[in-house]
Amino acid sequence: NVNYENFQGAFYAQDDIRVRRNLTMSGGLRYEAQSHAKDYDNLMPRLGITWAPFTGGQTTLRASWGIFHDWFSMNTYEQTLRVDGVHQREVDIVDPPYPDFNELSLLAAPGNRYLMSEGVALPRSTRVSLGLDQRWRTLQAAVTYSYVRGGALARGDNLNAPVDGTRPDPQFGNIIEVVSDASSRQHQLQTNITLNPGALFPLGKSARRFDPKRVTVFLNHTLGSIRNNTDGAFSIAPLGDQNLEWGPASGDVRHRLNINVNNQVIKNLTVGINVNNSSGVPYTLRTGRDDNGDLVFNDRPNGVSRNSERAESHFTLNLNLGYGWTFGPPVSGPPGIGVFVTGGQANVQTFDQPARYRIGFFVSAQNVTNRANYTGYSGTMTSPFFRQPTAVAGPRRVDAGINFGF
């Protein structure tokens, strides 16, 4: 058993200044501090500008800059308390006879140890973004570019790596110290398009039974790239040089596309269609051998960087159907009100209060086409599954049900 306490806190102040009718400036300052991370110079200023250059307000330009911090993971801190060579032992055995191995050799083998550096800091990122919003009568579009530079990311430093086949401290195996000197760089371009916003407000009793205009389409596409030189707090560089670890981050998905079509063309019948497509995630080639003799099997072929390989893309088509109606006396109170903006103008729509009782049927289908979206690609060159997937995500699932409300 291990016990520890963690305290973290922050305060934030912001002011929005309306310089002119079409120009707003925002300024903010945040401060954060956390125990176990002796890093207290965490002032984080933020600035933002919103400008509508034309009369009517259909076009909006946005710019922002800010510094942000993340909390230090307590799972990482707990690992350094548990696997300290006393509370819990972690032992690596090379080429054990399986399934019968000698437990005495396990007890006699030196165990690994995890430490946290005195200089551990809160992960930091600096973000700059530029955006353009454009509104027409029934169409809204937005494009935003952002650049994020990350610093003080956690990585592992092996203090007991073998030197000429001998460990500096023979009492332990690997001694991994968590340090905060890894970095990341991210570029992202995000595009959002919404057609016919506000089309799906609740329908009153006077609404037409059939109306093809009651359709909303939402499209989002993200083009991005993120690179870093760490796979986590306990990941160590096979050659001991962190500069050689630069490569695509594990979450580096270049393209993401999401399309949603929601409609209530037929009154009381809601239909939702969702399409998701994303390019493949990266994975790393490994020799499958302990080439440097540190008992960590993360060695790569010469000249091969981290996450140099790519998995296949993912695609899913989802469908949601629902049919419901209300009955009984109406709920007391004023009529409902909805406000939405089109063409730079705010439009107000009122609708009848729903009846007291509601009943509905629904069918929800995930991955309608049952496409095999493969995951778990193996980059280990000695594995029979080399460059092959070992799992599949999100097979087709259909749920149906009935609900009643009052």
Protein backbone atom coordinates (compact mmCIF):
# COMPACT_ATOMS: atom_id res chain seq x y z
CA ASN A 1 0.00 0.00 0.00
CA VAL A 2 1.14 3.53 -0.76
CA ASN A 3 -0.40 6.78 0.43
CA TYR A 4 0.02 10.30 -0.86
CA GLU A 5 -1.80 13.61 -1.06
CA ASN A 6 -2.03 15.99 -3.97
CA PHE A 7 -2.99 19.66 -3.87
CA GLN A 8 -3.56 21.74 -6.96
CA GLY A 9 -5.16 25.09 -7.47
CA ALA A 10 -5.52 27.95 -9.91
CA PHE A 11 -7.05 31.38 -10.30
CA TYR A 12 -8.04 33.16 -13.47
CA ALA A 13 -9.00 36.73 -14.33
CA GLN A 14 -10.27 37.99 -17.67
CA ASP A 15 -11.66 41.21 -19.08
CA ASP A 16 -13.36 41.82 -22.42
CA ILE A 17 -12.96 45.36 -23.76
CA ARG A 18 -15.28 46.55 -26.48
CA VAL A 19 -13.03 49.02 -28.26
CA ARG A 20 -15.59 49.75 -30.93
CA ARG A 21 -18.92 48.31 -31.93
CA ASN A 22 -17.22 45.80 -34.23
CA LEU A 23 -13.97 45.29 -32.31
CA THR A 24 -13.50 43.43 -29.04
CA MET A 25 -10.24 42.73 -27.24
CA SER A 26 -9.88 40.14 -24.48
CA GLY A 27 -7.10 39.77 -21.96
CA GLY A 28 -6.65 37.15 -19.28
CA LEU A 29 -4.16 35.82 -16.78
CA ARG A 30 -4.17 32.41 -15.15
CA TYR A 31 -1.92 30.97 -12.45
CA GLU A 32 -1.60 27.31 -11.46
CA ALA A 33 0.40 25.41 -8.87
CA GLN A 34 0.52 21.77 -7.82
CA SER A 35 2.24 19.83 -5.11
CA HIS A 36 4.90 17.28 -6.17
CA ALA A 37 5.87 19.63 -9.03
CA LYS A 38 8.14 22.29 -7.59
CA ASP A 39 7.36 24.62 -10.43
CA TYR A 40 5.73 27.82 -9.26
CA ASP A 41 6.44 30.37 -12.03
CA ASN A 42 3.27 29.43 -13.89
CA LEU A 43 1.75 32.75 -14.89
CA MET A 44 -0.17 32.24 -18.13
CA PRO A 45 -1.27 35.34 -20.05
CA ARG A 46 -3.86 35.13 -22.86
CA LEU A 47 -4.85 37.70 -25.49
CA GLY A 48 -7.64 37.66 -28.05
CA ILE A 49 -9.08 39.97 -30.72
CA THR A 50 -12.45 39.69 -32.49
CA TRP A 51 -13.15 42.04 -35.40
CA ALA A 52 -16.17 42.28 -37.71
CA PRO A 53 -14.85 44.55 -40.51
CA PHE A 54 -18.09 44.93 -42.48
CA THR A 55 -21.48 46.30 -41.56
CA GLY A 56 -24.02 43.59 -40.85
CA GLY A 57 -21.52 41.40 -39.01
CA GLN A 58 -21.53 38.52 -41.52
CA THR A 59 -17.72 38.31 -41.48
CA THR A 60 -15.68 37.92 -38.30
CA LEU A 61 -11.91 37.72 -37.93
CA ARG A 62 -10.38 36.23 -34.79
CA ALA A 63 -6.83 36.05 -33.44
CA SER A 64 -5.56 34.72 -30.13
CA TRP A 65 -2.37 33.93 -28.26
CA GLY A 66 -1.96 32.23 -24.92
CA ILE A 67 0.16 30.09 -22.63
CA PHE A 68 -1.41 27.02 -21.04
CA HIS A 69 -0.33 24.38 -18.52
CA ASP A 70 -1.54 20.86 -17.79
CA TRP A 71 -1.55 19.18 -14.40
CA PHE A 72 1.19 16.68 -13.68
CA SER A 73 -0.27 13.16 -13.78
CA MET A 74 -0.74 11.54 -10.39
CA ASN A 75 -0.59 8.12 -12.07
CA THR A 76 3.03 8.92 -12.87
CA TYR A 77 3.74 10.03 -9.31
CA GLU A 78 2.08 6.91 -7.89
CA GLN A 79 4.21 4.71 -10.12
CA THR A 80 7.36 6.21 -8.60
CA LEU A 81 6.04 5.40 -5.12
CA ARG A 82 4.98 1.84 -5.87
CA VAL A 83 7.81 0.57 -8.06
CA ASP A 84 10.67 1.87 -5.92
CA GLY A 85 12.35 -1.50 -5.51
CA VAL A 86 10.71 -2.00 -2.08
CA HIS A 87 6.93 -1.67 -2.22
CA GLN A 88 6.61 -3.47 -5.53
CA ARG A 89 9.32 -5.18 -7.56
CA GLU A 90 9.54 -5.18 -11.35
CA VAL A 91 12.02 -7.74 -12.69
CA ASP A 92 13.01 -8.43 -16.30
CA ILE A 93 14.14 -11.97 -17.17
CA VAL A 94 15.83 -12.60 -20.52
CA ASP A 95 14.74 -15.75 -22.40
CA PRO A 96 12.79 -17.40 -19.53
CA PRO A 97 11.83 -21.08 -19.93
CA TYR A 98 8.07 -20.88 -20.49
CA PRO A 99 5.77 -21.86 -18.87
CA ASP A 100 7.97 -23.27 -16.08
CA PHE A 101 10.58 -20.78 -14.88
CA ASN A 102 12.72 -20.73 -11.77
CA GLU A 103 11.09 -18.44 -9.20
CA LEU A 104 14.38 -18.26 -7.29
CA SER A 105 16.02 -16.56 -10.26
CA LEU A 106 13.16 -14.08 -10.23
CA LEU A 107 13.76 -13.26 -6.58
CA ALA A 108 17.50 -12.92 -7.05
CA ALA A 109 17.38 -10.75 -10.18
CA PRO A 110 17.85 -7.00 -9.68
CA GLY A 111 14.61 -5.08 -9.95
CA ASN A 112 13.83 -1.84 -11.72
CA ARG A 113 13.20 1.45 -9.97
CA TYR A 114 11.28 4.58 -10.93
CA LEU A 115 12.10 8.06 -9.65
CA MET A 116 10.78 11.57 -10.16
CA SER A 117 13.26 14.36 -10.78
CA GLU A 118 13.35 17.32 -8.43
CA GLY A 119 12.95 19.55 -11.48
CA VAL A 120 9.66 18.07 -12.72
CA ALA A 121 7.47 20.86 -14.09
CA LEU A 122 3.89 21.24 -15.28
CA PRO A 123 3.59 20.53 -19.03
CA ARG A 124 3.38 23.80 -20.92
CA SER A 125 2.04 24.85 -24.33
CA THR A 126 1.98 28.13 -26.21
CA ARG A 127 -0.86 28.49 -28.72
CA VAL A 128 -1.39 30.98 -31.55
CA SER A 129 -4.53 30.91 -33.70
CA LEU A 130 -6.11 32.84 -36.56
CA GLY A 131 -9.71 32.35 -37.61
CA LEU A 132 -12.33 33.53 -40.11
CA ASP A 133 -16.10 33.13 -39.63
CA GLN A 134 -18.52 33.84 -42.46
CA ARG A 135 -22.32 33.76 -42.29
CA TRP A 136 -24.84 33.79 -45.07
CA ARG A 137 -28.59 33.38 -44.92
CA THR A 138 -28.65 29.62 -44.38
CA LEU A 139 -24.93 28.81 -44.33
CA GLN A 140 -22.21 29.31 -41.76
CA ALA A 141 -18.52 28.58 -42.35
CA ALA A 142 -15.45 28.91 -40.16
CA VAL A 143 -11.75 28.28 -40.80
CA THR A 144 -9.18 28.28 -37.96
CA TYR A 145 -5.43 27.74 -38.09
CA SER A 146 -3.52 27.09 -34.88
CA TYR A 147 0.08 26.44 -33.96
CA VAL A 148 0.90 24.90 -30.59
CA ARG A 149 4.40 24.59 -29.18
CA GLY A 150 4.65 22.23 -26.22
CA GLY A 151 7.39 22.12 -23.61
CA ALA A 152 8.26 20.54 -20.26
CA LEU A 153 6.76 17.24 -21.43
CA ALA A 154 7.61 14.19 -19.36
CA ARG A 155 10.01 11.50 -20.52
CA GLY A 156 12.18 8.84 -18.91
CA ASP A 157 15.94 9.02 -18.37
CA ASN A 158 17.68 5.72 -17.61
CA LEU A 159 20.21 6.49 -14.86
CA ASN A 160 21.41 2.88 -14.71
CA ALA A 161 21.90 2.01 -18.36
CA PRO A 162 24.70 -0.55 -18.89
CA VAL A 163 28.15 0.82 -19.66
CA ASP A 164 30.27 -1.80 -21.47
CA GLY A 165 27.79 -4.42 -20.26
CA THR A 166 27.92 -3.38 -16.58
CA ARG A 167 25.35 -1.32 -14.70
CA PRO A 168 26.63 1.59 -12.56
CA ASP A 169 24.47 0.39 -9.64
CA PRO A 170 24.34 -3.44 -9.64
CA GLN A 171 21.63 -3.47 -6.94
CA PHE A 172 19.02 -2.45 -9.49
CA GLY A 173 18.14 -3.08 -13.08
CA ASN A 174 16.95 0.05 -14.86
CA ILE A 175 16.51 3.20 -12.80
CA ILE A 176 14.12 5.40 -14.76
CA GLU A 177 13.91 9.03 -13.68
CA VAL A 178 11.00 11.15 -14.90
CA VAL A 179 12.27 14.46 -16.28
CA SER A 180 10.50 17.38 -17.96
CA ASP A 181 12.52 18.37 -21.00
CA ALA A 182 10.65 16.84 -23.97
CA SER A 183 8.83 18.98 -26.53
CA SER A 184 6.12 18.93 -29.19
CA ARG A 185 5.05 20.95 -32.25
CA GLN A 186 1.54 20.97 -33.68
CA HIS A 187 -0.03 22.57 -36.75
CA GLN A 188 -3.80 22.33 -37.30
CA LEU A 189 -6.26 23.71 -39.85
CA GLN A 190 -9.92 23.19 -38.94
CA THR A 191 -12.88 23.87 -41.22
CA ASN A 192 -16.52 23.89 -40.05
CA ILE A 193 -19.55 24.29 -42.32
CA THR A 194 -23.14 24.34 -41.10
CA LEU A 195 -26.08 24.42 -43.51
CA ASN A 196 -29.50 25.57 -42.38
CA PRO A 197 -28.79 26.10 -38.65
CA GLY A 198 -31.85 26.27 -36.44
CA ALA A 199 -33.90 24.02 -38.71
CA LEU A 200 -34.57 21.47 -35.98
CA PHE A 201 -36.23 23.58 -33.32
CA PRO A 202 -39.13 21.78 -31.59
CA LEU A 203 -42.14 21.70 -33.86
CA GLY A 204 -45.46 23.09 -32.72
CA LYS A 205 -48.90 21.70 -33.46
CA SER A 206 -49.23 24.02 -36.43
CA ALA A 207 -46.05 22.73 -38.14
CA ARG A 208 -46.55 21.08 -41.49
CA ARG A 209 -46.53 17.31 -41.66
CA PHE A 210 -43.90 17.35 -44.43
CA ASP A 211 -41.28 20.04 -44.97
CA PRO A 212 -38.01 19.35 -46.86
CA LYS A 213 -36.43 22.49 -45.34
CA ARG A 214 -36.17 20.90 -41.91
CA VAL A 215 -32.65 19.59 -42.54
CA THR A 216 -29.35 20.60 -40.92
CA VAL A 217 -25.98 19.54 -42.30
CA PHE A 218 -22.77 19.90 -40.29
CA LEU A 219 -19.31 19.24 -41.75
CA ASN A 220 -15.99 19.34 -39.92
CA HIS A 221 -12.57 18.63 -41.38
CA THR A 222 -9.29 18.80 -39.53
CA LEU A 223 -5.90 18.75 -41.22
CA GLY A 224 -3.13 18.48 -38.70
CA SER A 225 0.36 17.40 -37.82
CA ILE A 226 1.87 16.88 -34.37
CA ARG A 227 5.44 15.80 -33.68
CA ASN A 228 7.21 15.20 -30.37
CA ASN A 229 10.17 13.37 -28.88
CA THR A 230 8.53 11.35 -26.10
CA ASP A 231 6.08 8.47 -25.77
CA GLY A 232 5.36 9.14 -22.10
CA ALA A 233 6.80 9.73 -18.67
CA PHE A 234 8.69 6.43 -18.52
CA SER A 235 9.69 6.07 -22.18
CA ILE A 236 13.46 6.11 -22.69
CA ALA A 237 15.50 6.71 -25.82
CA PRO A 238 17.10 3.45 -27.05
CA LEU A 239 20.35 5.23 -27.90
CA GLY A 240 20.19 7.68 -25.00
CA ASP A 241 19.88 10.70 -27.32
CA GLN A 242 16.50 12.42 -27.02
CA ASN A 243 17.11 14.44 -30.20
CA LEU A 244 16.91 11.19 -32.17
CA GLU A 245 13.39 10.56 -30.81
CA TRP A 246 11.69 13.28 -32.85
CA GLY A 247 8.85 11.87 -34.92
CA PRO A 248 5.07 11.87 -35.32
CA ALA A 249 3.24 11.73 -31.99
CA SER A 250 1.13 8.65 -31.25
CA GLY A 251 -2.02 10.75 -31.84
CA ASP A 252 -0.81 12.24 -35.12
CA VAL A 253 -3.88 11.73 -37.34
CA ARG A 254 -3.42 13.86 -40.46
CA HIS A 255 -7.04 13.99 -41.64
CA ARG A 256 -10.29 13.81 -39.71
CA LEU A 257 -13.67 14.23 -41.43
CA ASN A 258 -17.02 14.29 -39.68
CA ILE A 259 -20.36 14.82 -41.46
CA ASN A 260 -23.70 14.95 -39.67
CA VAL A 261 -27.06 15.17 -41.44
CA ASN A 262 -30.03 15.62 -39.11
CA ASN A 263 -33.57 16.14 -40.29
CA GLN A 264 -37.18 16.13 -39.30
CA VAL A 265 -38.60 16.32 -42.82
CA ILE A 266 -41.53 14.21 -41.63
CA LYS A 267 -42.98 15.64 -38.46
CA ASN A 268 -42.18 13.59 -35.34
CA LEU A 269 -39.67 11.46 -37.27
CA THR A 270 -36.02 12.38 -36.64
CA VAL A 271 -33.32 10.93 -38.86
CA GLY A 272 -29.61 11.33 -38.16
CA ILE A 273 -26.81 10.17 -40.44
CA ASN A 274 -23.20 10.41 -39.28
CA VAL A 275 -20.06 9.73 -41.32
CA ASN A 276 -16.58 9.59 -39.77
CA ASN A 277 -13.34 9.13 -41.64
CA SER A 278 -9.79 9.46 -40.31
CA SER A 279 -6.36 8.64 -41.64
CA GLY A 280 -4.21 6.05 -39.93
CA VAL A 281 -2.28 6.50 -36.70
CA PRO A 282 1.49 5.97 -36.64
CA TYR A 283 3.41 3.12 -35.06
CA THR A 284 7.09 2.33 -34.57
CA LEU A 285 9.33 -0.31 -36.13
CA ARG A 286 11.28 -2.31 -33.56
CA THR A 287 13.90 -5.01 -34.00
CA GLY A 288 12.33 -7.25 -31.35
CA ARG A 289 15.75 -7.71 -29.76
CA ASP A 290 17.57 -6.05 -26.88
CA ASP A 291 20.37 -4.67 -29.02
CA ASN A 292 21.79 -2.29 -26.37
CA GLY A 293 21.53 -4.76 -23.46
CA ASP A 294 19.36 -2.59 -21.17
CA LEU A 295 16.52 -5.15 -20.97
CA VAL A 296 14.12 -2.68 -22.61
CA PHE A 297 12.89 -4.02 -25.93
CA ASN A 298 12.38 -0.70 -27.70
CA ASP A 299 15.36 -0.85 -30.05
CA ARG A 300 14.80 0.32 -33.64
CA PRO A 301 16.69 -0.52 -36.84
CA ASN A 302 19.52 1.84 -37.67
CA GLY A 303 18.32 5.08 -39.23
CA VAL A 304 14.62 4.46 -38.43
CA SER A 305 12.82 7.13 -36.41
CA ARG A 306 9.86 6.81 -34.03
CA ASN A 307 6.41 6.22 -35.51
CA SER A 308 7.64 5.92 -39.09
CA GLU A 309 4.84 3.51 -40.09
CA ARG A 310 1.12 4.19 -40.62
CA ALA A 311 -1.94 2.08 -39.92
CA GLU A 312 -4.92 1.96 -42.29
CA SER A 313 -7.57 4.65 -42.23
CA HIS A 314 -10.86 4.28 -40.32
CA PHE A 315 -14.37 4.81 -41.69
CA THR A 316 -17.75 4.48 -39.96
CA LEU A 317 -21.32 5.19 -41.03
CA ASN A 318 -23.85 5.59 -38.20
CA LEU A 319 -27.63 5.93 -38.36
CA ASN A 320 -30.17 7.09 -35.79
CA LEU A 321 -33.96 6.95 -36.22
CA GLY A 322 -36.57 8.14 -33.78
CA TYR A 323 -40.32 8.57 -33.87
CA GLY A 324 -42.26 10.11 -31.02
CA TRP A 325 -45.41 11.96 -30.16
CA THR A 326 -46.98 13.69 -27.23
CA PHE A 327 -50.42 13.53 -25.71
CA GLY A 328 -52.35 14.80 -22.74
CA PRO A 329 -52.81 18.37 -21.50
CA PRO A 330 -50.02 20.86 -22.32
CA VAL A 331 -47.41 21.81 -19.76
CA SER A 332 -48.33 25.10 -18.11
CA GLY A 333 -46.14 28.14 -18.77
CA PRO A 334 -45.26 30.57 -21.53
CA PRO A 335 -44.40 29.33 -25.03
CA GLY A 336 -40.87 28.13 -25.75
CA ILE A 337 -38.46 30.52 -27.45
CA GLY A 338 -35.48 29.74 -29.68
CA VAL A 339 -32.93 32.25 -30.96
CA PHE A 340 -30.55 31.58 -33.85
CA VAL A 341 -28.42 33.79 -36.08
CA THR A 342 -28.46 33.75 -39.89
CA GLY A 343 -27.08 36.37 -42.19
CA GLY A 344 -25.89 38.41 -39.23
CA GLN A 345 -29.45 38.78 -37.95
CA ALA A 346 -30.89 37.22 -34.82
CA ASN A 347 -34.18 35.44 -35.49
CA VAL A 348 -36.59 34.47 -32.74
CA GLN A 349 -38.85 31.45 -33.10
CA THR A 350 -41.60 30.46 -30.68
CA PHE A 351 -43.08 27.00 -30.36
CA ASP A 352 -45.90 25.43 -28.43
CA GLN A 353 -45.28 23.94 -25.02
CA PRO A 354 -45.18 20.13 -25.30
CA ALA A 355 -47.97 17.99 -23.98
CA ARG A 356 -47.54 16.43 -20.59
CA TYR A 357 -46.83 12.87 -21.81
CA ARG A 358 -44.23 11.79 -24.38
CA ILE A 359 -43.61 8.42 -25.94
CA GLY A 360 -41.01 7.48 -28.51
CA PHE A 361 -39.33 4.65 -30.39
CA PHE A 362 -35.71 4.72 -31.51
CA VAL A 363 -33.22 2.65 -33.47
CA SER A 364 -29.51 3.40 -33.34
CA ALA A 365 -27.00 1.63 -35.60
CA GLN A 366 -23.24 2.11 -35.20
CA ASN A 367 -20.95 1.17 -38.11
CA VAL A 368 -23.86 0.24 -40.37
CA THR A 369 -21.60 -1.23 -43.06
CA ASN A 370 -19.68 -3.28 -40.46
CA ARG A 371 -16.38 -2.07 -41.87
CA ALA A 372 -13.36 -3.65 -40.20
CA ASN A 373 -11.41 -0.76 -38.69
CA TYR A 374 -8.16 -2.42 -37.72
CA THR A 375 -6.02 -1.41 -34.74
CA GLY A 376 -3.05 -2.72 -32.77
CA TYR A 377 -0.57 -2.86 -35.64
CA SER A 378 2.63 -4.65 -34.69
CA GLY A 379 5.90 -2.98 -35.59
CA THR A 380 8.04 -5.74 -34.08
CA MET A 381 10.12 -7.23 -36.86
CA THR A 382 10.48 -10.64 -35.16
CA SER A 383 6.73 -11.01 -34.65
CA PRO A 384 4.59 -13.21 -36.94
CA PHE A 385 2.16 -10.26 -36.93
CA PHE A 386 4.74 -7.78 -38.23
CA ARG A 387 2.98 -4.84 -39.96
CA GLN A 388 -0.37 -6.57 -39.33
CA PRO A 389 -3.27 -5.48 -37.08
CA THR A 390 -4.09 -7.49 -33.98
CA ALA A 391 -7.55 -6.08 -33.16
CA VAL A 392 -10.57 -4.44 -34.72
CA ALA A 393 -12.53 -1.47 -33.35
CA GLY A 394 -16.24 -0.77 -33.27
CA PRO A 395 -18.00 -3.63 -35.04
CA ARG A 396 -21.61 -3.06 -36.07
CA ARG A 397 -24.02 -2.60 -33.20
CA VAL A 398 -27.76 -1.96 -33.35
CA ASP A 399 -29.82 -0.77 -30.40
CA ALA A 400 -33.58 -0.34 -30.34
CA GLY A 401 -35.85 0.84 -27.58
CA ILE A 402 -38.88 2.72 -26.39
CA ASN A 403 -39.03 5.56 -23.90
CA PHE A 404 -41.82 7.27 -22.00
CA GLY A 405 -41.66 10.65 -20.30
CA PHE A 406 -43.97 12.87 -18.31
